[in-house]
């Protein structure tokens, strides 16, 4: 039996159907489908559409949360096949990621974390509303190569500078790169705070691979 169509994977997330997303992910893996393709062509477009519907005012907080839960369920179900795909391969690097304190937006950050994991990075997702000190502590504990900080509000993006400064001041003893993203951010802002910028999940993967190469 072939893997289910990618359109069905995306639709399960758009509908916030946790059970369907989990089932489809398992069916995909059991059919021998490439897990990265399921994410890039199925589940990721679905969660991006959820974000678009939220921005357009078609979806409200319950639909946003339900879509995120469906995405999470799918990623957990795909986990064994993603792990198997990287058996015997060296990890590309360690990334600590989170949305900065005062900002509860989670979908974009979670998608970046998912894509990094699918591409062979060790990822530690701190969630949303993360204090500056927590990024530094996690970078030290996990010996992170990259600290990725998301901000979706202009009122919180200034804390990305504080994270960058705090990581540099921590004297961790190895090079740690700062990667920032989110709607109000851009390359100029990243350069100003001594960081690197990614405007979407695919660009974040490419940038992370470049930074650890």
C-alpha atoms as a PDB file:
ATOM      1  CA  UNK A   1       0.000   0.000   0.000  1.00  0.00           C
ATOM      2  CA  UNK A   2       1.443   3.424  -0.947  1.00  0.00           C
ATOM      3  CA  UNK A   3       1.721   6.241   1.595  1.00  0.00           C
ATOM      4  CA  UNK A   4      -1.363   8.471   1.936  1.00  0.00           C
ATOM      5  CA  UNK A   5      -1.484  11.593  -0.258  1.00  0.00           C
ATOM      6  CA  UNK A   6       0.331  14.639   1.090  1.00  0.00           C
ATOM      7  CA  UNK A   7      -2.876  16.625   0.687  1.00  0.00           C
ATOM      8  CA  UNK A   8      -4.518  14.398   3.309  1.00  0.00           C
ATOM      9  CA  UNK A   9      -1.627  15.003   5.708  1.00  0.00           C
ATOM     10  CA  UNK A  10      -1.977  18.747   5.285  1.00  0.00           C
ATOM     11  CA  UNK A  11      -5.757  18.673   5.621  1.00  0.00           C
ATOM     12  CA  UNK A  12      -5.616  16.775   8.907  1.00  0.00           C
ATOM     13  CA  UNK A  13      -3.539  19.596  10.389  1.00  0.00           C
ATOM     14  CA  UNK A  14      -5.714  22.334   8.892  1.00  0.00           C
ATOM     15  CA  UNK A  15      -8.774  20.650  10.407  1.00  0.00           C
ATOM     16  CA  UNK A  16      -6.994  20.182  13.740  1.00  0.00           C
ATOM     17  CA  UNK A  17      -7.789  16.478  13.598  1.00  0.00           C
ATOM     18  CA  UNK A  18      -5.254  15.031  16.037  1.00  0.00           C
ATOM     19  CA  UNK A  19      -6.317  11.403  15.589  1.00  0.00           C
ATOM     20  CA  UNK A  20      -6.211  11.627  11.790  1.00  0.00           C
ATOM     21  CA  UNK A  21      -2.832  13.365  11.783  1.00  0.00           C
ATOM     22  CA  UNK A  22      -1.377  10.660  14.037  1.00  0.00           C
ATOM     23  CA  UNK A  23      -2.919   7.850  11.993  1.00  0.00           C
ATOM     24  CA  UNK A  24      -1.769   9.277   8.667  1.00  0.00           C
ATOM     25  CA  UNK A  25       1.765   9.756   9.968  1.00  0.00           C
ATOM     26  CA  UNK A  26       1.897   6.127  11.071  1.00  0.00           C
ATOM     27  CA  UNK A  27       0.466   4.942   7.765  1.00  0.00           C
ATOM     28  CA  UNK A  28       3.089   6.998   5.964  1.00  0.00           C
ATOM     29  CA  UNK A  29       5.923   5.438   7.943  1.00  0.00           C
ATOM     30  CA  UNK A  30       4.558   1.905   7.712  1.00  0.00           C
ATOM     31  CA  UNK A  31       4.265   2.276   3.936  1.00  0.00           C
ATOM     32  CA  UNK A  32       7.959   3.145   3.724  1.00  0.00           C
ATOM     33  CA  UNK A  33       7.451   6.793   2.870  1.00  0.00           C
ATOM     34  CA  UNK A  34      10.323   9.222   3.358  1.00  0.00           C
ATOM     35  CA  UNK A  35       9.538  11.060   6.621  1.00  0.00           C
ATOM     36  CA  UNK A  36      11.108  14.305   5.425  1.00  0.00           C
ATOM     37  CA  UNK A  37       8.756  14.368   2.434  1.00  0.00           C
ATOM     38  CA  UNK A  38       5.753  13.860   4.716  1.00  0.00           C
ATOM     39  CA  UNK A  39       6.800  16.949   6.638  1.00  0.00           C
ATOM     40  CA  UNK A  40       7.886  19.194   3.770  1.00  0.00           C
ATOM     41  CA  UNK A  41       5.012  18.370   1.409  1.00  0.00           C
ATOM     42  CA  UNK A  42       2.264  17.450   3.856  1.00  0.00           C
ATOM     43  CA  UNK A  43       2.262  18.444   7.494  1.00  0.00           C
ATOM     44  CA  UNK A  44       4.348  21.638   7.164  1.00  0.00           C
ATOM     45  CA  UNK A  45       2.108  23.176   4.478  1.00  0.00           C
ATOM     46  CA  UNK A  46      -0.832  22.286   6.705  1.00  0.00           C
ATOM     47  CA  UNK A  47       0.480  24.159   9.733  1.00  0.00           C
ATOM     48  CA  UNK A  48       1.481  27.099   7.540  1.00  0.00           C
ATOM     49  CA  UNK A  49      -2.111  27.254   6.309  1.00  0.00           C
ATOM     50  CA  UNK A  50      -3.345  27.244   9.900  1.00  0.00           C
ATOM     51  CA  UNK A  51      -1.143  30.278  10.548  1.00  0.00           C
ATOM     52  CA  UNK A  52      -2.466  32.013   7.453  1.00  0.00           C
ATOM     53  CA  UNK A  53      -6.068  31.409   8.477  1.00  0.00           C
ATOM     54  CA  UNK A  54      -5.268  32.834  11.915  1.00  0.00           C
ATOM     55  CA  UNK A  55      -3.743  35.960  10.363  1.00  0.00           C
ATOM     56  CA  UNK A  56      -6.729  36.325   8.028  1.00  0.00           C
ATOM     57  CA  UNK A  57      -9.147  36.187  10.950  1.00  0.00           C
ATOM     58  CA  UNK A  58     -10.742  32.945   9.753  1.00  0.00           C
ATOM     59  CA  UNK A  59      -9.297  30.948  12.642  1.00  0.00           C
ATOM     60  CA  UNK A  60      -9.321  31.870  16.307  1.00  0.00           C
ATOM     61  CA  UNK A  61      -7.275  30.659  19.258  1.00  0.00           C
ATOM     62  CA  UNK A  62      -9.031  27.257  19.634  1.00  0.00           C
ATOM     63  CA  UNK A  63      -8.432  26.399  15.958  1.00  0.00           C
ATOM     64  CA  UNK A  64      -4.827  27.607  16.213  1.00  0.00           C
ATOM     65  CA  UNK A  65      -4.167  25.416  19.239  1.00  0.00           C
ATOM     66  CA  UNK A  66      -5.904  22.419  17.683  1.00  0.00           C
ATOM     67  CA  UNK A  67      -3.856  22.713  14.499  1.00  0.00           C
ATOM     68  CA  UNK A  68      -0.653  22.864  16.555  1.00  0.00           C
ATOM     69  CA  UNK A  69      -1.754  19.773  18.504  1.00  0.00           C
ATOM     70  CA  UNK A  70      -2.394  17.883  15.275  1.00  0.00           C
ATOM     71  CA  UNK A  71       1.051  18.848  14.000  1.00  0.00           C
ATOM     72  CA  UNK A  72       2.636  17.750  17.265  1.00  0.00           C
ATOM     73  CA  UNK A  73       0.842  14.392  17.154  1.00  0.00           C
ATOM     74  CA  UNK A  74       2.014  13.802  13.587  1.00  0.00           C
ATOM     75  CA  UNK A  75       5.635  14.585  14.470  1.00  0.00           C
ATOM     76  CA  UNK A  76       5.543  12.249  17.462  1.00  0.00           C
ATOM     77  CA  UNK A  77       4.116   9.469  15.314  1.00  0.00           C
ATOM     78  CA  UNK A  78       6.791  10.017  12.650  1.00  0.00           C
ATOM     79  CA  UNK A  79       9.514  10.063  15.308  1.00  0.00           C
ATOM     80  CA  UNK A  80      10.681   6.432  14.968  1.00  0.00           C
ATOM     81  CA  UNK A  81      11.034   6.727  11.206  1.00  0.00           C
ATOM     82  CA  UNK A  82      12.848  10.074  11.463  1.00  0.00           C
ATOM     83  CA  UNK A  83      15.256   8.548  13.986  1.00  0.00           C
ATOM     84  CA  UNK A  84      15.822   5.512  11.766  1.00  0.00           C
ATOM     85  CA  UNK A  85      16.620   7.770   8.818  1.00  0.00           C
ATOM     86  CA  UNK A  86      19.550   9.230  10.771  1.00  0.00           C
ATOM     87  CA  UNK A  87      20.956   6.005  12.251  1.00  0.00           C
ATOM     88  CA  UNK A  88      24.689   5.865  11.655  1.00  0.00           C
ATOM     89  CA  UNK A  89      24.842   9.484  10.591  1.00  0.00           C
ATOM     90  CA  UNK A  90      26.657  12.046  12.719  1.00  0.00           C
ATOM     91  CA  UNK A  91      24.386  14.726  14.167  1.00  0.00           C
ATOM     92  CA  UNK A  92      24.728  18.011  12.349  1.00  0.00           C
ATOM     93  CA  UNK A  93      24.721  20.110  15.514  1.00  0.00           C
ATOM     94  CA  UNK A  94      22.743  21.008  18.608  1.00  0.00           C
ATOM     95  CA  UNK A  95      20.095  23.740  18.549  1.00  0.00           C
ATOM     96  CA  UNK A  96      18.329  25.323  21.504  1.00  0.00           C
ATOM     97  CA  UNK A  97      15.181  27.063  20.282  1.00  0.00           C
ATOM     98  CA  UNK A  98      12.322  29.012  21.827  1.00  0.00           C
ATOM     99  CA  UNK A  99      10.013  32.013  21.566  1.00  0.00           C
ATOM    100  CA  UNK A 100      11.176  34.902  23.719  1.00  0.00           C
ATOM    101  CA  UNK A 101       9.568  35.945  26.994  1.00  0.00           C
ATOM    102  CA  UNK A 102       6.336  37.906  26.611  1.00  0.00           C
ATOM    103  CA  UNK A 103       5.508  36.232  23.311  1.00  0.00           C
ATOM    104  CA  UNK A 104       3.225  33.195  23.164  1.00  0.00           C
ATOM    105  CA  UNK A 105       3.369  32.610  19.392  1.00  0.00           C
ATOM    106  CA  UNK A 106       4.452  29.032  18.867  1.00  0.00           C
ATOM    107  CA  UNK A 107       3.580  27.701  15.424  1.00  0.00           C
ATOM    108  CA  UNK A 108       6.442  29.174  13.397  1.00  0.00           C
ATOM    109  CA  UNK A 109       9.021  28.282  16.032  1.00  0.00           C
ATOM    110  CA  UNK A 110       7.675  24.740  16.345  1.00  0.00           C
ATOM    111  CA  UNK A 111       7.814  24.281  12.577  1.00  0.00           C
ATOM    112  CA  UNK A 112      11.457  25.394  12.540  1.00  0.00           C
ATOM    113  CA  UNK A 113      12.220  22.934  15.354  1.00  0.00           C
ATOM    114  CA  UNK A 114      10.498  20.136  13.439  1.00  0.00           C
ATOM    115  CA  UNK A 115      12.358  20.864  10.217  1.00  0.00           C
ATOM    116  CA  UNK A 116      15.724  21.035  11.999  1.00  0.00           C
ATOM    117  CA  UNK A 117      15.057  17.679  13.647  1.00  0.00           C
ATOM    118  CA  UNK A 118      14.050  16.155  10.321  1.00  0.00           C
ATOM    119  CA  UNK A 119      17.326  17.335   8.816  1.00  0.00           C
ATOM    120  CA  UNK A 120      19.489  15.668  11.447  1.00  0.00           C
ATOM    121  CA  UNK A 121      19.940  18.310  14.151  1.00  0.00           C
ATOM    122  CA  UNK A 122      19.597  17.628  17.859  1.00  0.00           C
ATOM    123  CA  UNK A 123      16.898  20.107  18.874  1.00  0.00           C
ATOM    124  CA  UNK A 124      15.833  21.219  22.356  1.00  0.00           C
ATOM    125  CA  UNK A 125      12.595  23.214  22.141  1.00  0.00           C
ATOM    126  CA  UNK A 126      12.100  25.438  25.184  1.00  0.00           C
ATOM    127  CA  UNK A 127       8.579  26.422  24.117  1.00  0.00           C
ATOM    128  CA  UNK A 128       7.218  29.969  24.236  1.00  0.00           C
ATOM    129  CA  UNK A 129       7.496  32.842  26.736  1.00  0.00           C
ATOM    130  CA  UNK A 130      11.106  31.821  27.465  1.00  0.00           C
ATOM    131  CA  UNK A 131      13.235  34.088  29.719  1.00  0.00           C
ATOM    132  CA  UNK A 132      16.639  35.242  28.503  1.00  0.00           C
ATOM    133  CA  UNK A 133      18.432  33.301  31.250  1.00  0.00           C
ATOM    134  CA  UNK A 134      16.732  30.057  30.193  1.00  0.00           C
ATOM    135  CA  UNK A 135      18.300  30.289  26.719  1.00  0.00           C
ATOM    136  CA  UNK A 136      21.740  30.723  28.275  1.00  0.00           C
ATOM    137  CA  UNK A 137      21.248  27.891  30.766  1.00  0.00           C
ATOM    138  CA  UNK A 138      20.045  25.527  28.040  1.00  0.00           C
ATOM    139  CA  UNK A 139      22.927  26.479  25.751  1.00  0.00           C
ATOM    140  CA  UNK A 140      25.372  25.667  28.539  1.00  0.00           C
ATOM    141  CA  UNK A 141      23.678  22.420  29.600  1.00  0.00           C
ATOM    142  CA  UNK A 142      23.191  21.115  26.069  1.00  0.00           C
ATOM    143  CA  UNK A 143      26.466  22.471  24.679  1.00  0.00           C
ATOM    144  CA  UNK A 144      24.443  24.092  21.912  1.00  0.00           C
ATOM    145  CA  UNK A 145      25.995  25.149  18.632  1.00  0.00           C
ATOM    146  CA  UNK A 146      23.052  27.432  17.831  1.00  0.00           C
ATOM    147  CA  UNK A 147      20.582  29.356  19.975  1.00  0.00           C
ATOM    148  CA  UNK A 148      17.486  30.173  17.904  1.00  0.00           C
ATOM    149  CA  UNK A 149      15.161  32.889  19.214  1.00  0.00           C
ATOM    150  CA  UNK A 150      11.743  33.668  17.739  1.00  0.00           C
ATOM    151  CA  UNK A 151       9.782  36.880  18.280  1.00  0.00           C
ATOM    152  CA  UNK A 152       6.464  37.678  16.606  1.00  0.00           C
ATOM    153  CA  UNK A 153       5.860  41.000  18.368  1.00  0.00           C
ATOM    154  CA  UNK A 154       7.756  44.258  17.967  1.00  0.00           C
ATOM    155  CA  UNK A 155       7.447  44.670  21.729  1.00  0.00           C
ATOM    156  CA  UNK A 156       9.441  41.490  22.390  1.00  0.00           C
ATOM    157  CA  UNK A 157      12.008  41.457  19.591  1.00  0.00           C
ATOM    158  CA  UNK A 158      14.334  43.656  21.643  1.00  0.00           C
ATOM    159  CA  UNK A 159      14.864  40.701  23.958  1.00  0.00           C
ATOM    160  CA  UNK A 160      16.546  38.873  21.081  1.00  0.00           C
ATOM    161  CA  UNK A 161      19.418  41.347  21.545  1.00  0.00           C
ATOM    162  CA  UNK A 162      19.509  40.509  25.250  1.00  0.00           C
ATOM    163  CA  UNK A 163      19.760  36.788  24.462  1.00  0.00           C
ATOM    164  CA  UNK A 164      22.590  37.401  22.001  1.00  0.00           C
ATOM    165  CA  UNK A 165      24.449  39.584  24.511  1.00  0.00           C
ATOM    166  CA  UNK A 166      23.861  37.160  27.388  1.00  0.00           C
ATOM    167  CA  UNK A 167      25.102  34.144  25.416  1.00  0.00           C
ATOM    168  CA  UNK A 168      28.256  35.991  24.423  1.00  0.00           C
ATOM    169  CA  UNK A 169      28.804  37.209  27.988  1.00  0.00           C
ATOM    170  CA  UNK A 170      28.379  33.706  29.416  1.00  0.00           C
ATOM    171  CA  UNK A 171      31.845  32.646  28.240  1.00  0.00           C
ATOM    172  CA  UNK A 172      30.698  29.169  27.281  1.00  0.00           C
ATOM    173  CA  UNK A 173      34.086  28.208  25.883  1.00  0.00           C
ATOM    174  CA  UNK A 174      32.907  27.243  22.418  1.00  0.00           C
ATOM    175  CA  UNK A 175      31.360  29.229  19.551  1.00  0.00           C
ATOM    176  CA  UNK A 176      27.583  29.608  19.822  1.00  0.00           C
ATOM    177  CA  UNK A 177      25.727  31.208  16.925  1.00  0.00           C
ATOM    178  CA  UNK A 178      22.517  33.173  17.430  1.00  0.00           C
ATOM    179  CA  UNK A 179      19.713  32.675  14.917  1.00  0.00           C
ATOM    180  CA  UNK A 180      16.675  34.950  15.023  1.00  0.00           C
ATOM    181  CA  UNK A 181      13.359  34.972  13.203  1.00  0.00           C
ATOM    182  CA  UNK A 182       9.797  36.222  13.370  1.00  0.00           C
ATOM    183  CA  UNK A 183       7.615  38.705  11.530  1.00  0.00           C
ATOM    184  CA  UNK A 184       9.197  41.967  12.802  1.00  0.00           C
ATOM    185  CA  UNK A 185      12.782  40.764  12.330  1.00  0.00           C
ATOM    186  CA  UNK A 186      15.048  40.948   9.305  1.00  0.00           C
ATOM    187  CA  UNK A 187      18.671  40.678   8.166  1.00  0.00           C
ATOM    188  CA  UNK A 188      19.452  44.258   9.227  1.00  0.00           C
ATOM    189  CA  UNK A 189      18.144  43.648  12.741  1.00  0.00           C
ATOM    190  CA  UNK A 190      20.104  40.396  12.987  1.00  0.00           C
ATOM    191  CA  UNK A 191      23.305  42.106  11.878  1.00  0.00           C
ATOM    192  CA  UNK A 192      22.734  44.884  14.413  1.00  0.00           C
ATOM    193  CA  UNK A 193      22.611  42.426  17.317  1.00  0.00           C
ATOM    194  CA  UNK A 194      25.349  40.124  16.035  1.00  0.00           C
ATOM    195  CA  UNK A 195      23.037  37.324  14.954  1.00  0.00           C
ATOM    196  CA  UNK A 196      21.908  35.511  11.803  1.00  0.00           C
ATOM    197  CA  UNK A 197      18.419  35.667  10.324  1.00  0.00           C
ATOM    198  CA  UNK A 198      15.995  33.191   8.755  1.00  0.00           C
ATOM    199  CA  UNK A 199      12.621  34.246   7.364  1.00  0.00           C
ATOM    200  CA  UNK A 200      11.053  30.762   7.289  1.00  0.00           C
ATOM    201  CA  UNK A 201      11.628  27.166   8.323  1.00  0.00           C
ATOM    202  CA  UNK A 202      13.407  26.036   5.161  1.00  0.00           C
ATOM    203  CA  UNK A 203      15.729  29.032   5.313  1.00  0.00           C
ATOM    204  CA  UNK A 204      16.383  28.279   8.992  1.00  0.00           C
ATOM    205  CA  UNK A 205      17.549  24.777   8.078  1.00  0.00           C
ATOM    206  CA  UNK A 206      19.839  26.090   5.349  1.00  0.00           C
ATOM    207  CA  UNK A 207      21.253  28.750   7.666  1.00  0.00           C
ATOM    208  CA  UNK A 208      21.799  26.270  10.495  1.00  0.00           C
ATOM    209  CA  UNK A 209      23.608  23.884   8.161  1.00  0.00           C
ATOM    210  CA  UNK A 210      25.792  26.742   6.983  1.00  0.00           C
ATOM    211  CA  UNK A 211      26.607  27.839  10.537  1.00  0.00           C
ATOM    212  CA  UNK A 212      27.782  24.395  11.664  1.00  0.00           C
ATOM    213  CA  UNK A 213      29.575  23.431   8.471  1.00  0.00           C
END
